[in-house]
Each structure stands twice: as C-alpha cells, then as structure tokens.
PDB file of N, CA and C in Angstrom:
ATOM      1  N   MET A   1      -8.707  73.203 -50.208  1.00  0.00           N
ATOM      2  CA  MET A   1      -7.962  72.049 -49.719  1.00  0.00           C
ATOM      3  C   MET A   1      -6.745  71.849 -50.624  1.00  0.00           C
ATOM      4  N   SER A   2      -5.590  71.526 -50.025  1.00  0.00           N
ATOM      5  CA  SER A   2      -4.387  71.373 -50.834  1.00  0.00           C
ATOM      6  C   SER A   2      -4.361  70.000 -51.481  1.00  0.00           C
ATOM      7  N   GLU A   3      -3.631  69.929 -52.578  1.00  0.00           N
ATOM      8  CA  GLU A   3      -3.524  68.652 -53.273  1.00  0.00           C
ATOM      9  C   GLU A   3      -2.581  67.695 -52.565  1.00  0.00           C
ATOM     10  N   ASP A   4      -1.769  68.209 -51.610  1.00  0.00           N
ATOM     11  CA  ASP A   4      -0.806  67.385 -50.898  1.00  0.00           C
ATOM     12  C   ASP A   4      -1.469  66.521 -49.836  1.00  0.00           C
ATOM     13  N   ALA A   5      -2.686  66.895 -49.423  1.00  0.00           N
ATOM     14  CA  ALA A   5      -3.336  66.178 -48.334  1.00  0.00           C
ATOM     15  C   ALA A   5      -3.646  64.752 -48.760  1.00  0.00           C
ATOM     16  N   GLY A   6      -3.605  63.853 -47.789  1.00  0.00           N
ATOM     17  CA  GLY A   6      -3.922  62.460 -48.061  1.00  0.00           C
ATOM     18  C   GLY A   6      -5.423  62.262 -48.108  1.00  0.00           C
ATOM     19  N   PRO A   7      -5.880  61.036 -48.162  1.00  0.00           N
ATOM     20  CA  PRO A   7      -7.309  60.757 -48.215  1.00  0.00           C
ATOM     21  C   PRO A   7      -7.997  61.247 -46.938  1.00  0.00           C
ATOM     22  N   ILE A   8      -9.272  61.564 -47.045  1.00  0.00           N
ATOM     23  CA  ILE A   8     -10.053  62.041 -45.910  1.00  0.00           C
ATOM     24  C   ILE A   8     -10.767  60.845 -45.296  1.00  0.00           C
ATOM     25  N   ASP A   9     -10.669  60.719 -43.934  1.00  0.00           N
ATOM     26  CA  ASP A   9     -11.359  59.607 -43.287  1.00  0.00           C
ATOM     27  C   ASP A   9     -12.791  60.012 -42.950  1.00  0.00           C
ATOM     28  N   ALA A  10     -13.548  59.131 -42.296  1.00  0.00           N
ATOM     29  CA  ALA A  10     -14.969  59.357 -42.027  1.00  0.00           C
ATOM     30  C   ALA A  10     -15.205  60.595 -41.168  1.00  0.00           C
ATOM     31  N   SER A  11     -14.254  60.976 -40.326  1.00  0.00           N
ATOM     32  CA  SER A  11     -14.436  62.143 -39.462  1.00  0.00           C
ATOM     33  C   SER A  11     -14.124  63.445 -40.184  1.00  0.00           C
ATOM     34  N   GLY A  12     -13.685  63.363 -41.419  1.00  0.00           N
ATOM     35  CA  GLY A  12     -13.345  64.564 -42.169  1.00  0.00           C
ATOM     36  C   GLY A  12     -11.897  64.973 -42.017  1.00  0.00           C
ATOM     37  N   GLU A  13     -11.135  64.243 -41.207  1.00  0.00           N
ATOM     38  CA  GLU A  13      -9.708  64.542 -41.002  1.00  0.00           C
ATOM     39  C   GLU A  13      -8.887  63.868 -42.099  1.00  0.00           C
ATOM     40  N   THR A  14      -7.711  64.397 -42.334  1.00  0.00           N
ATOM     41  CA  THR A  14      -6.814  63.776 -43.301  1.00  0.00           C
ATOM     42  C   THR A  14      -6.282  62.487 -42.692  1.00  0.00           C
ATOM     43  N   ALA A  15      -6.477  61.399 -43.381  1.00  0.00           N
ATOM     44  CA  ALA A  15      -6.030  60.098 -42.889  1.00  0.00           C
ATOM     45  C   ALA A  15      -4.536  59.944 -43.162  1.00  0.00           C
ATOM     46  N   PRO A  16      -3.819  59.287 -42.252  1.00  0.00           N
ATOM     47  CA  PRO A  16      -2.391  59.050 -42.516  1.00  0.00           C
ATOM     48  C   PRO A  16      -2.228  58.106 -43.703  1.00  0.00           C
ATOM     49  N   GLU A  17      -1.089  58.239 -44.365  1.00  0.00           N
ATOM     50  CA  GLU A  17      -0.830  57.358 -45.498  1.00  0.00           C
ATOM     51  C   GLU A  17      -0.709  55.924 -45.017  1.00  0.00           C
ATOM     52  N   ALA A  18      -1.250  55.010 -45.791  1.00  0.00           N
ATOM     53  CA  ALA A  18      -1.186  53.597 -45.443  1.00  0.00           C
ATOM     54  C   ALA A  18       0.209  53.063 -45.746  1.00  0.00           C
ATOM     55  N   VAL A  19       0.686  52.218 -44.870  1.00  0.00           N
ATOM     56  CA  VAL A  19       1.959  51.553 -45.085  1.00  0.00           C
ATOM     57  C   VAL A  19       1.652  50.113 -45.445  1.00  0.00           C
ATOM     58  N   VAL A  20       2.111  49.700 -46.595  1.00  0.00           N
ATOM     59  CA  VAL A  20       1.863  48.336 -47.050  1.00  0.00           C
ATOM     60  C   VAL A  20       3.081  47.497 -46.712  1.00  0.00           C
ATOM     61  N   ILE A  21       2.862  46.444 -45.933  1.00  0.00           N
ATOM     62  CA  ILE A  21       3.947  45.527 -45.581  1.00  0.00           C
ATOM     63  C   ILE A  21       3.691  44.220 -46.318  1.00  0.00           C
ATOM     64  N   LEU A  22       4.567  43.915 -47.233  1.00  0.00           N
ATOM     65  CA  LEU A  22       4.425  42.694 -48.013  1.00  0.00           C
ATOM     66  C   LEU A  22       5.062  41.534 -47.271  1.00  0.00           C
ATOM     67  N   PRO A  23       4.525  40.333 -47.430  1.00  0.00           N
ATOM     68  CA  PRO A  23       5.169  39.178 -46.797  1.00  0.00           C
ATOM     69  C   PRO A  23       6.541  38.958 -47.421  1.00  0.00           C
ATOM     70  N   PRO A  24       7.467  38.409 -46.671  1.00  0.00           N
ATOM     71  CA  PRO A  24       8.800  38.198 -47.234  1.00  0.00           C
ATOM     72  C   PRO A  24       8.772  37.192 -48.380  1.00  0.00           C
ATOM     73  N   VAL A  25       9.671  37.395 -49.313  1.00  0.00           N
ATOM     74  CA  VAL A  25       9.831  36.474 -50.439  1.00  0.00           C
ATOM     75  C   VAL A  25      10.581  35.253 -49.927  1.00  0.00           C
ATOM     76  N   THR A  26      10.188  34.059 -50.369  1.00  0.00           N
ATOM     77  CA  THR A  26      10.878  32.837 -49.973  1.00  0.00           C
ATOM     78  C   THR A  26      11.612  32.262 -51.177  1.00  0.00           C
ATOM     79  N   VAL A  27      12.894  31.952 -50.964  1.00  0.00           N
ATOM     80  CA  VAL A  27      13.703  31.335 -52.019  1.00  0.00           C
ATOM     81  C   VAL A  27      14.342  30.073 -51.444  1.00  0.00           C
ATOM     82  N   ASN A  28      14.643  29.110 -52.326  1.00  0.00           N
ATOM     83  CA  ASN A  28      15.301  27.899 -51.836  1.00  0.00           C
ATOM     84  C   ASN A  28      16.817  28.134 -51.756  1.00  0.00           C
ATOM     85  N   VAL A  29      17.512  27.243 -51.111  1.00  0.00           N
ATOM     86  CA  VAL A  29      18.947  27.397 -50.879  1.00  0.00           C
ATOM     87  C   VAL A  29      19.709  27.519 -52.196  1.00  0.00           C
ATOM     88  N   HIS A  30      19.380  26.688 -53.173  1.00  0.00           N
ATOM     89  CA  HIS A  30      20.074  26.737 -54.470  1.00  0.00           C
ATOM     90  C   HIS A  30      19.904  28.112 -55.123  1.00  0.00           C
ATOM     91  N   GLU A  31      18.682  28.617 -55.122  1.00  0.00           N
ATOM     92  CA  GLU A  31      18.424  29.930 -55.711  1.00  0.00           C
ATOM     93  C   GLU A  31      19.172  31.024 -54.937  1.00  0.00           C
ATOM     94  N   ALA A  32      19.221  30.906 -53.615  1.00  0.00           N
ATOM     95  CA  ALA A  32      19.924  31.898 -52.801  1.00  0.00           C
ATOM     96  C   ALA A  32      21.423  31.898 -53.124  1.00  0.00           C
ATOM     97  N   LYS A  33      22.003  30.698 -53.286  1.00  0.00           N
ATOM     98  CA  LYS A  33      23.426  30.621 -53.620  1.00  0.00           C
ATOM     99  C   LYS A  33      23.685  31.173 -55.018  1.00  0.00           C
ATOM    100  N   THR A  34      22.802  30.875 -55.946  1.00  0.00           N
ATOM    101  CA  THR A  34      22.978  31.300 -57.333  1.00  0.00           C
ATOM    102  C   THR A  34      22.812  32.810 -57.504  1.00  0.00           C
ATOM    103  N   HIS A  35      21.880  33.393 -56.763  1.00  0.00           N
ATOM    104  CA  HIS A  35      21.529  34.807 -56.963  1.00  0.00           C
ATOM    105  C   HIS A  35      21.796  35.654 -55.719  1.00  0.00           C
ATOM    106  N   LEU A  36      22.816  35.309 -54.941  1.00  0.00           N
ATOM    107  CA  LEU A  36      23.060  36.009 -53.680  1.00  0.00           C
ATOM    108  C   LEU A  36      23.246  37.514 -53.877  1.00  0.00           C
ATOM    109  N   SER A  37      24.000  37.931 -54.872  1.00  0.00           N
ATOM    110  CA  SER A  37      24.221  39.364 -55.085  1.00  0.00           C
ATOM    111  C   SER A  37      22.911  40.094 -55.364  1.00  0.00           C
ATOM    112  N   LYS A  38      22.048  39.503 -56.179  1.00  0.00           N
ATOM    113  CA  LYS A  38      20.759  40.124 -56.479  1.00  0.00           C
ATOM    114  C   LYS A  38      19.879  40.166 -55.233  1.00  0.00           C
ATOM    115  N   LEU A  39      19.899  39.100 -54.452  1.00  0.00           N
ATOM    116  CA  LEU A  39      19.105  39.075 -53.225  1.00  0.00           C
ATOM    117  C   LEU A  39      19.604  40.121 -52.234  1.00  0.00           C
ATOM    118  N   LEU A  40      20.920  40.279 -52.132  1.00  0.00           N
ATOM    119  CA  LEU A  40      21.470  41.288 -51.228  1.00  0.00           C
ATOM    120  C   LEU A  40      21.086  42.702 -51.669  1.00  0.00           C
ATOM    121  N   ALA A  41      21.015  42.941 -52.965  1.00  0.00           N
ATOM    122  CA  ALA A  41      20.582  44.253 -53.461  1.00  0.00           C
ATOM    123  C   ALA A  41      19.130  44.515 -53.043  1.00  0.00           C
ATOM    124  N   ARG A  42      18.295  43.475 -53.092  1.00  0.00           N
ATOM    125  CA  ARG A  42      16.903  43.623 -52.663  1.00  0.00           C
ATOM    126  C   ARG A  42      16.828  43.885 -51.161  1.00  0.00           C
ATOM    127  N   VAL A  43      17.688  43.224 -50.399  1.00  0.00           N
ATOM    128  CA  VAL A  43      17.725  43.430 -48.953  1.00  0.00           C
ATOM    129  C   VAL A  43      18.175  44.864 -48.646  1.00  0.00           C
ATOM    130  N   GLU A  44      19.166  45.353 -49.374  1.00  0.00           N
ATOM    131  CA  GLU A  44      19.611  46.739 -49.171  1.00  0.00           C
ATOM    132  C   GLU A  44      18.488  47.732 -49.445  1.00  0.00           C
ATOM    133  N   ALA A  45      17.559  47.357 -50.310  1.00  0.00           N
ATOM    134  CA  ALA A  45      16.417  48.217 -50.621  1.00  0.00           C
ATOM    135  C   ALA A  45      15.313  48.088 -49.566  1.00  0.00           C
ATOM    136  N   GLY A  46      15.533  47.237 -48.547  1.00  0.00           N
ATOM    137  CA  GLY A  46      14.584  47.127 -47.447  1.00  0.00           C
ATOM    138  C   GLY A  46      13.745  45.864 -47.421  1.00  0.00           C
ATOM    139  N   GLU A  47      13.942  44.976 -48.353  1.00  0.00           N
ATOM    140  CA  GLU A  47      13.130  43.755 -48.437  1.00  0.00           C
ATOM    141  C   GLU A  47      13.694  42.671 -47.520  1.00  0.00           C
ATOM    142  N   ARG A  48      12.815  41.848 -46.972  1.00  0.00           N
ATOM    143  CA  ARG A  48      13.220  40.675 -46.184  1.00  0.00           C
ATOM    144  C   ARG A  48      13.052  39.445 -47.064  1.00  0.00           C
ATOM    145  N   ILE A  49      14.022  38.546 -47.024  1.00  0.00           N
ATOM    146  CA  ILE A  49      13.983  37.347 -47.859  1.00  0.00           C
ATOM    147  C   ILE A  49      14.214  36.126 -46.976  1.00  0.00           C
ATOM    148  N   VAL A  50      13.307  35.149 -47.089  1.00  0.00           N
ATOM    149  CA  VAL A  50      13.407  33.910 -46.321  1.00  0.00           C
ATOM    150  C   VAL A  50      14.091  32.869 -47.202  1.00  0.00           C
ATOM    151  N   ILE A  51      15.070  32.172 -46.630  1.00  0.00           N
ATOM    152  CA  ILE A  51      15.743  31.082 -47.337  1.00  0.00           C
ATOM    153  C   ILE A  51      15.199  29.778 -46.749  1.00  0.00           C
ATOM    154  N   ALA A  52      14.741  28.893 -47.646  1.00  0.00           N
ATOM    155  CA  ALA A  52      14.124  27.644 -47.200  1.00  0.00           C
ATOM    156  C   ALA A  52      14.856  26.448 -47.790  1.00  0.00           C
ATOM    157  N   ARG A  53      14.857  25.360 -47.034  1.00  0.00           N
ATOM    158  CA  ARG A  53      15.387  24.082 -47.522  1.00  0.00           C
ATOM    159  C   ARG A  53      14.214  23.115 -47.523  1.00  0.00           C
ATOM    160  N   ALA A  54      13.905  22.565 -48.686  1.00  0.00           N
ATOM    161  CA  ALA A  54      12.774  21.641 -48.855  1.00  0.00           C
ATOM    162  C   ALA A  54      11.482  22.285 -48.362  1.00  0.00           C
ATOM    163  N   GLY A  55      11.330  23.582 -48.611  1.00  0.00           N
ATOM    164  CA  GLY A  55      10.112  24.288 -48.240  1.00  0.00           C
ATOM    165  C   GLY A  55      10.037  24.727 -46.797  1.00  0.00           C
ATOM    166  N   ARG A  56      11.037  24.368 -45.979  1.00  0.00           N
ATOM    167  CA  ARG A  56      11.037  24.731 -44.559  1.00  0.00           C
ATOM    168  C   ARG A  56      11.960  25.928 -44.351  1.00  0.00           C
ATOM    169  N   PRO A  57      11.463  27.063 -43.844  1.00  0.00           N
ATOM    170  CA  PRO A  57      12.307  28.239 -43.637  1.00  0.00           C
ATOM    171  C   PRO A  57      13.454  27.938 -42.677  1.00  0.00           C
ATOM    172  N   ILE A  58      14.669  28.340 -43.067  1.00  0.00           N
ATOM    173  CA  ILE A  58      15.828  28.098 -42.201  1.00  0.00           C
ATOM    174  C   ILE A  58      16.600  29.373 -41.880  1.00  0.00           C
ATOM    175  N   ALA A  59      16.419  30.443 -42.675  1.00  0.00           N
ATOM    176  CA  ALA A  59      17.168  31.672 -42.424  1.00  0.00           C
ATOM    177  C   ALA A  59      16.430  32.853 -43.034  1.00  0.00           C
ATOM    178  N   VAL A  60      16.774  34.043 -42.564  1.00  0.00           N
ATOM    179  CA  VAL A  60      16.185  35.264 -43.089  1.00  0.00           C
ATOM    180  C   VAL A  60      17.303  36.222 -43.457  1.00  0.00           C
ATOM    181  N   LEU A  61      17.238  36.747 -44.676  1.00  0.00           N
ATOM    182  CA  LEU A  61      18.113  37.849 -45.070  1.00  0.00           C
ATOM    183  C   LEU A  61      17.309  39.109 -44.811  1.00  0.00           C
ATOM    184  N   ALA A  62      17.820  39.982 -43.976  1.00  0.00           N
ATOM    185  CA  ALA A  62      17.081  41.189 -43.628  1.00  0.00           C
ATOM    186  C   ALA A  62      18.053  42.350 -43.498  1.00  0.00           C
ATOM    187  N   PRO A  63      17.574  43.572 -43.743  1.00  0.00           N
ATOM    188  CA  PRO A  63      18.452  44.729 -43.600  1.00  0.00           C
ATOM    189  C   PRO A  63      18.913  44.884 -42.152  1.00  0.00           C
ATOM    190  N   MET A  64      20.123  45.352 -41.993  1.00  0.00           N
ATOM    191  CA  MET A  64      20.665  45.638 -40.665  1.00  0.00           C
ATOM    192  C   MET A  64      20.080  46.954 -40.170  1.00  0.00           C
ATOM    193  N   ASP A  65      19.931  47.064 -38.863  1.00  0.00           N
ATOM    194  CA  ASP A  65      19.551  48.353 -38.299  1.00  0.00           C
ATOM    195  C   ASP A  65      20.715  49.308 -38.501  1.00  0.00           C
ATOM    196  N   PRO A  66      20.421  50.554 -38.834  1.00  0.00           N
ATOM    197  CA  PRO A  66      21.531  51.486 -39.032  1.00  0.00           C
ATOM    198  C   PRO A  66      22.325  51.636 -37.732  1.00  0.00           C
ATOM    199  N   ALA A  67      23.622  51.549 -37.864  1.00  0.00           N
ATOM    200  CA  ALA A  67      24.483  51.661 -36.692  1.00  0.00           C
ATOM    201  C   ALA A  67      24.502  53.099 -36.197  1.00  0.00           C
ATOM    202  N   THR A  68      24.519  53.247 -34.898  1.00  0.00           N
ATOM    203  CA  THR A  68      24.649  54.570 -34.318  1.00  0.00           C
ATOM    204  C   THR A  68      26.125  54.931 -34.348  1.00  0.00           C
ATOM    205  N   PRO A  69      26.472  56.017 -35.011  1.00  0.00           N
ATOM    206  CA  PRO A  69      27.889  56.360 -35.082  1.00  0.00           C
ATOM    207  C   PRO A  69      28.438  56.696 -33.692  1.00  0.00           C
ATOM    208  N   ARG A  70      29.636  56.231 -33.442  1.00  0.00           N
ATOM    209  CA  ARG A  70      30.297  56.530 -32.177  1.00  0.00           C
ATOM    210  C   ARG A  70      31.056  57.827 -32.311  1.00  0.00           C
ATOM    211  N   ARG A  71      30.979  58.628 -31.289  1.00  0.00           N
ATOM    212  CA  ARG A  71      31.728  59.874 -31.284  1.00  0.00           C
ATOM    213  C   ARG A  71      32.662  59.856 -30.084  1.00  0.00           C
ATOM    214  N   PRO A  72      33.947  60.067 -30.300  1.00  0.00           N
ATOM    215  CA  PRO A  72      34.872  60.094 -29.167  1.00  0.00           C
ATOM    216  C   PRO A  72      34.448  61.162 -28.168  1.00  0.00           C
ATOM    217  N   GLY A  73      34.526  60.806 -26.914  1.00  0.00           N
ATOM    218  CA  GLY A  73      34.200  61.759 -25.871  1.00  0.00           C
ATOM    219  C   GLY A  73      32.753  61.733 -25.437  1.00  0.00           C
ATOM    220  N   ASP A  74      31.919  60.864 -26.040  1.00  0.00           N
ATOM    221  CA  ASP A  74      30.516  60.786 -25.638  1.00  0.00           C
ATOM    222  C   ASP A  74      30.358  60.241 -24.222  1.00  0.00           C
ATOM    223  N   GLU A  75      31.215  59.311 -23.850  1.00  0.00           N
ATOM    224  CA  GLU A  75      31.132  58.714 -22.527  1.00  0.00           C
ATOM    225  C   GLU A  75      32.452  58.929 -21.805  1.00  0.00           C
ATOM    226  N   PRO A  76      32.392  59.214 -20.519  1.00  0.00           N
ATOM    227  CA  PRO A  76      33.645  59.438 -19.783  1.00  0.00           C
ATOM    228  C   PRO A  76      34.423  58.128 -19.615  1.00  0.00           C
ATOM    229  N   ILE A  77      35.702  58.247 -19.560  1.00  0.00           N
ATOM    230  CA  ILE A  77      36.573  57.102 -19.302  1.00  0.00           C
ATOM    231  C   ILE A  77      36.849  57.090 -17.809  1.00  0.00           C
ATOM    232  N   VAL A  78      36.570  55.966 -17.178  1.00  0.00           N
ATOM    233  CA  VAL A  78      36.759  55.853 -15.743  1.00  0.00           C
ATOM    234  C   VAL A  78      37.894  54.876 -15.486  1.00  0.00           C
ATOM    235  N   ILE A  79      38.901  55.329 -14.783  1.00  0.00           N
ATOM    236  CA  ILE A  79      40.023  54.476 -14.395  1.00  0.00           C
ATOM    237  C   ILE A  79      40.051  54.457 -12.875  1.00  0.00           C
ATOM    238  N   ARG A  80      39.793  53.272 -12.318  1.00  0.00           N
ATOM    239  CA  ARG A  80      39.763  53.153 -10.860  1.00  0.00           C
ATOM    240  C   ARG A  80      41.172  53.259 -10.298  1.00  0.00           C
ATOM    241  N   ASP A  81      41.260  53.649  -9.040  1.00  0.00           N
ATOM    242  CA  ASP A  81      42.557  53.801  -8.381  1.00  0.00           C
ATOM    243  C   ASP A  81      43.338  52.492  -8.345  1.00  0.00           C
ATOM    244  N   ASP A  82      42.644  51.349  -8.288  1.00  0.00           N
ATOM    245  CA  ASP A  82      43.327  50.061  -8.182  1.00  0.00           C
ATOM    246  C   ASP A  82      43.427  49.337  -9.526  1.00  0.00           C
ATOM    247  N   PHE A  83      43.377  50.069 -10.637  1.00  0.00           N
ATOM    248  CA  PHE A  83      43.372  49.400 -11.943  1.00  0.00           C
ATOM    249  C   PHE A  83      44.618  48.565 -12.172  1.00  0.00           C
ATOM    250  N   ASP A  84      45.728  48.921 -11.549  1.00  0.00           N
ATOM    251  CA  ASP A  84      46.958  48.159 -11.753  1.00  0.00           C
ATOM    252  C   ASP A  84      47.302  47.287 -10.544  1.00  0.00           C
ATOM    253  N   ALA A  85      46.321  47.051  -9.679  1.00  0.00           N
ATOM    254  CA  ALA A  85      46.563  46.209  -8.504  1.00  0.00           C
ATOM    255  C   ALA A  85      46.820  44.767  -8.946  1.00  0.00           C
ATOM    256  N   HIS A  86      47.551  44.064  -8.130  1.00  0.00           N
ATOM    257  CA  HIS A  86      47.893  42.674  -8.412  1.00  0.00           C
ATOM    258  C   HIS A  86      46.634  41.813  -8.428  1.00  0.00           C
ATOM    259  N   LEU A  87      46.480  40.973  -9.435  1.00  0.00           N
ATOM    260  CA  LEU A  87      45.354  40.061  -9.531  1.00  0.00           C
ATOM    261  C   LEU A  87      45.842  38.657  -9.178  1.00  0.00           C
ATOM    262  N   PRO A  88      45.341  38.076  -8.101  1.00  0.00           N
ATOM    263  CA  PRO A  88      45.870  36.785  -7.665  1.00  0.00           C
ATOM    264  C   PRO A  88      45.704  35.675  -8.698  1.00  0.00           C
ATOM    265  N   GLU A  89      44.652  35.706  -9.521  1.00  0.00           N
ATOM    266  CA  GLU A  89      44.477  34.626 -10.485  1.00  0.00           C
ATOM    267  C   GLU A  89      45.517  34.656 -11.589  1.00  0.00           C
ATOM    268  N   PHE A  90      46.288  35.749 -11.692  1.00  0.00           N
ATOM    269  CA  PHE A  90      47.343  35.817 -12.686  1.00  0.00           C
ATOM    270  C   PHE A  90      48.721  35.679 -12.058  1.00  0.00           C
ATOM    271  N   ASP A  91      48.770  35.409 -10.792  1.00  0.00           N
ATOM    272  CA  ASP A  91      50.034  35.188 -10.094  1.00  0.00           C
ATOM    273  C   ASP A  91      50.602  33.858 -10.594  1.00  0.00           C
ATOM    274  N   PRO A  92      51.828  33.862 -11.114  1.00  0.00           N
ATOM    275  CA  PRO A  92      52.383  32.608 -11.649  1.00  0.00           C
ATOM    276  C   PRO A  92      52.487  31.507 -10.606  1.00  0.00           C
ATOM    277  N   ASP A  93      52.555  31.855  -9.336  1.00  0.00           N
ATOM    278  CA  ASP A  93      52.650  30.844  -8.284  1.00  0.00           C
ATOM    279  C   ASP A  93      51.277  30.421  -7.758  1.00  0.00           C
ATOM    280  N   TYR A  94      50.211  31.072  -8.238  1.00  0.00           N
ATOM    281  CA  TYR A  94      48.865  30.764  -7.767  1.00  0.00           C
ATOM    282  C   TYR A  94      48.329  29.535  -8.488  1.00  0.00           C
ATOM    283  N   THR A  95      47.736  28.641  -7.743  1.00  0.00           N
ATOM    284  CA  THR A  95      47.014  27.511  -8.332  1.00  0.00           C
ATOM    285  C   THR A  95      45.676  27.389  -7.624  1.00  0.00           C
ATOM    286  N   HIS A  96      44.678  27.025  -8.383  1.00  0.00           N
ATOM    287  CA  HIS A  96      43.353  26.841  -7.803  1.00  0.00           C
ATOM    288  C   HIS A  96      43.395  25.607  -6.913  1.00  0.00           C
ATOM    289  N   PRO A  97      42.709  25.661  -5.779  1.00  0.00           N
ATOM    290  CA  PRO A  97      42.744  24.497  -4.868  1.00  0.00           C
ATOM    291  C   PRO A  97      42.266  23.199  -5.514  1.00  0.00           C
ATOM    292  N   ASN A  98      41.405  23.254  -6.511  1.00  0.00           N
ATOM    293  CA  ASN A  98      40.898  22.037  -7.142  1.00  0.00           C
ATOM    294  C   ASN A  98      41.705  21.625  -8.370  1.00  0.00           C
ATOM    295  N   ASP A  99      42.787  22.330  -8.668  1.00  0.00           N
ATOM    296  CA  ASP A  99      43.600  22.008  -9.839  1.00  0.00           C
ATOM    297  C   ASP A  99      44.419  20.758  -9.541  1.00  0.00           C
ATOM    298  N   PRO A 100      44.197  19.659 -10.292  1.00  0.00           N
ATOM    299  CA  PRO A 100      44.914  18.419  -9.982  1.00  0.00           C
ATOM    300  C   PRO A 100      46.417  18.528 -10.208  1.00  0.00           C
ATOM    301  N   LEU A 101      46.865  19.446 -11.064  1.00  0.00           N
ATOM    302  CA  LEU A 101      48.288  19.604 -11.309  1.00  0.00           C
ATOM    303  C   LEU A 101      48.904  20.732 -10.469  1.00  0.00           C
ATOM    304  N   GLY A 102      48.069  21.451  -9.749  1.00  0.00           N
ATOM    305  CA  GLY A 102      48.536  22.639  -9.054  1.00  0.00           C
ATOM    306  C   GLY A 102      49.382  22.384  -7.812  1.00  0.00           C
ATOM    307  N   ASN A 103      49.238  21.261  -7.183  1.00  0.00           N
ATOM    308  CA  ASN A 103      49.953  21.002  -5.932  1.00  0.00           C
ATOM    309  C   ASN A 103      51.079  19.989  -6.091  1.00  0.00           C
ATOM    310  N   GLN A 104      51.594  19.826  -7.283  1.00  0.00           N
ATOM    311  CA  GLN A 104      52.673  18.878  -7.506  1.00  0.00           C
ATOM    312  C   GLN A 104      53.983  19.466  -7.001  1.00  0.00           C
ATOM    313  N   GLN A 105      54.774  18.638  -6.399  1.00  0.00           N
ATOM    314  CA  GLN A 105      56.096  19.051  -5.931  1.00  0.00           C
ATOM    315  C   GLN A 105      57.123  18.632  -6.973  1.00  0.00           C
ATOM    316  N   PRO A 106      58.079  19.504  -7.320  1.00  0.00           N
ATOM    317  CA  PRO A 106      59.102  19.117  -8.313  1.00  0.00           C
ATOM    318  C   PRO A 106      60.040  18.050  -7.804  1.00  0.00           C
TER     319      PRO A 106
END
C-alpha cells in the first residue's frame, strides 16, 4: 500500500480526504474599520468574515468567485438589418400621449 493513500474506510476502500469548514469569524464594525487590510488578506486566503453591529450580523466579507476571462471572438456579433432604423421614441417631434407638456402649442 502506498503512503500517499488516505485513511481506509470500513469497506477497505481509501476514504476521501475530509474537508473542514470552519464557521466564519465575526468582528464588530470598529474592529473591521481598524483592521480592514488584515481582514481582506484573510478573505483573499479564502476565509469568510462576518461584520456585526451590537452583535447582530450586518455584512459578510467573502472571497469573490474567480472571474471567467473573456476572449474576443467567443460569441458572434449579430447586427440586425434594421439596427439603424428610426426609433419613434427618439423622434424630437414625438411626445407620449400622456405627457402633460407634450401637446402644448407655442
């Protein structure tokens, strides 16, 4: 048996490694303001931090999901035949029928 294998479960199979999920750390607003850079470093390392006011949770600092990089040309550009057609709502002489100022005569 190799030394790389994980623990053996009751069936004799190699058990998957356990993932330990710790509860988020809670800090008060004053501590968050005072130590924001340190808290952000912990968040970058994958930790979630709850910010509380008077013991009541109000916000969570959490790592962002990694952004999917955009690659030019991944999606086709579609330009409809009427893309430059006149839009009546942008006609300078157009007024909505319910516009109280729209039907004024000079």
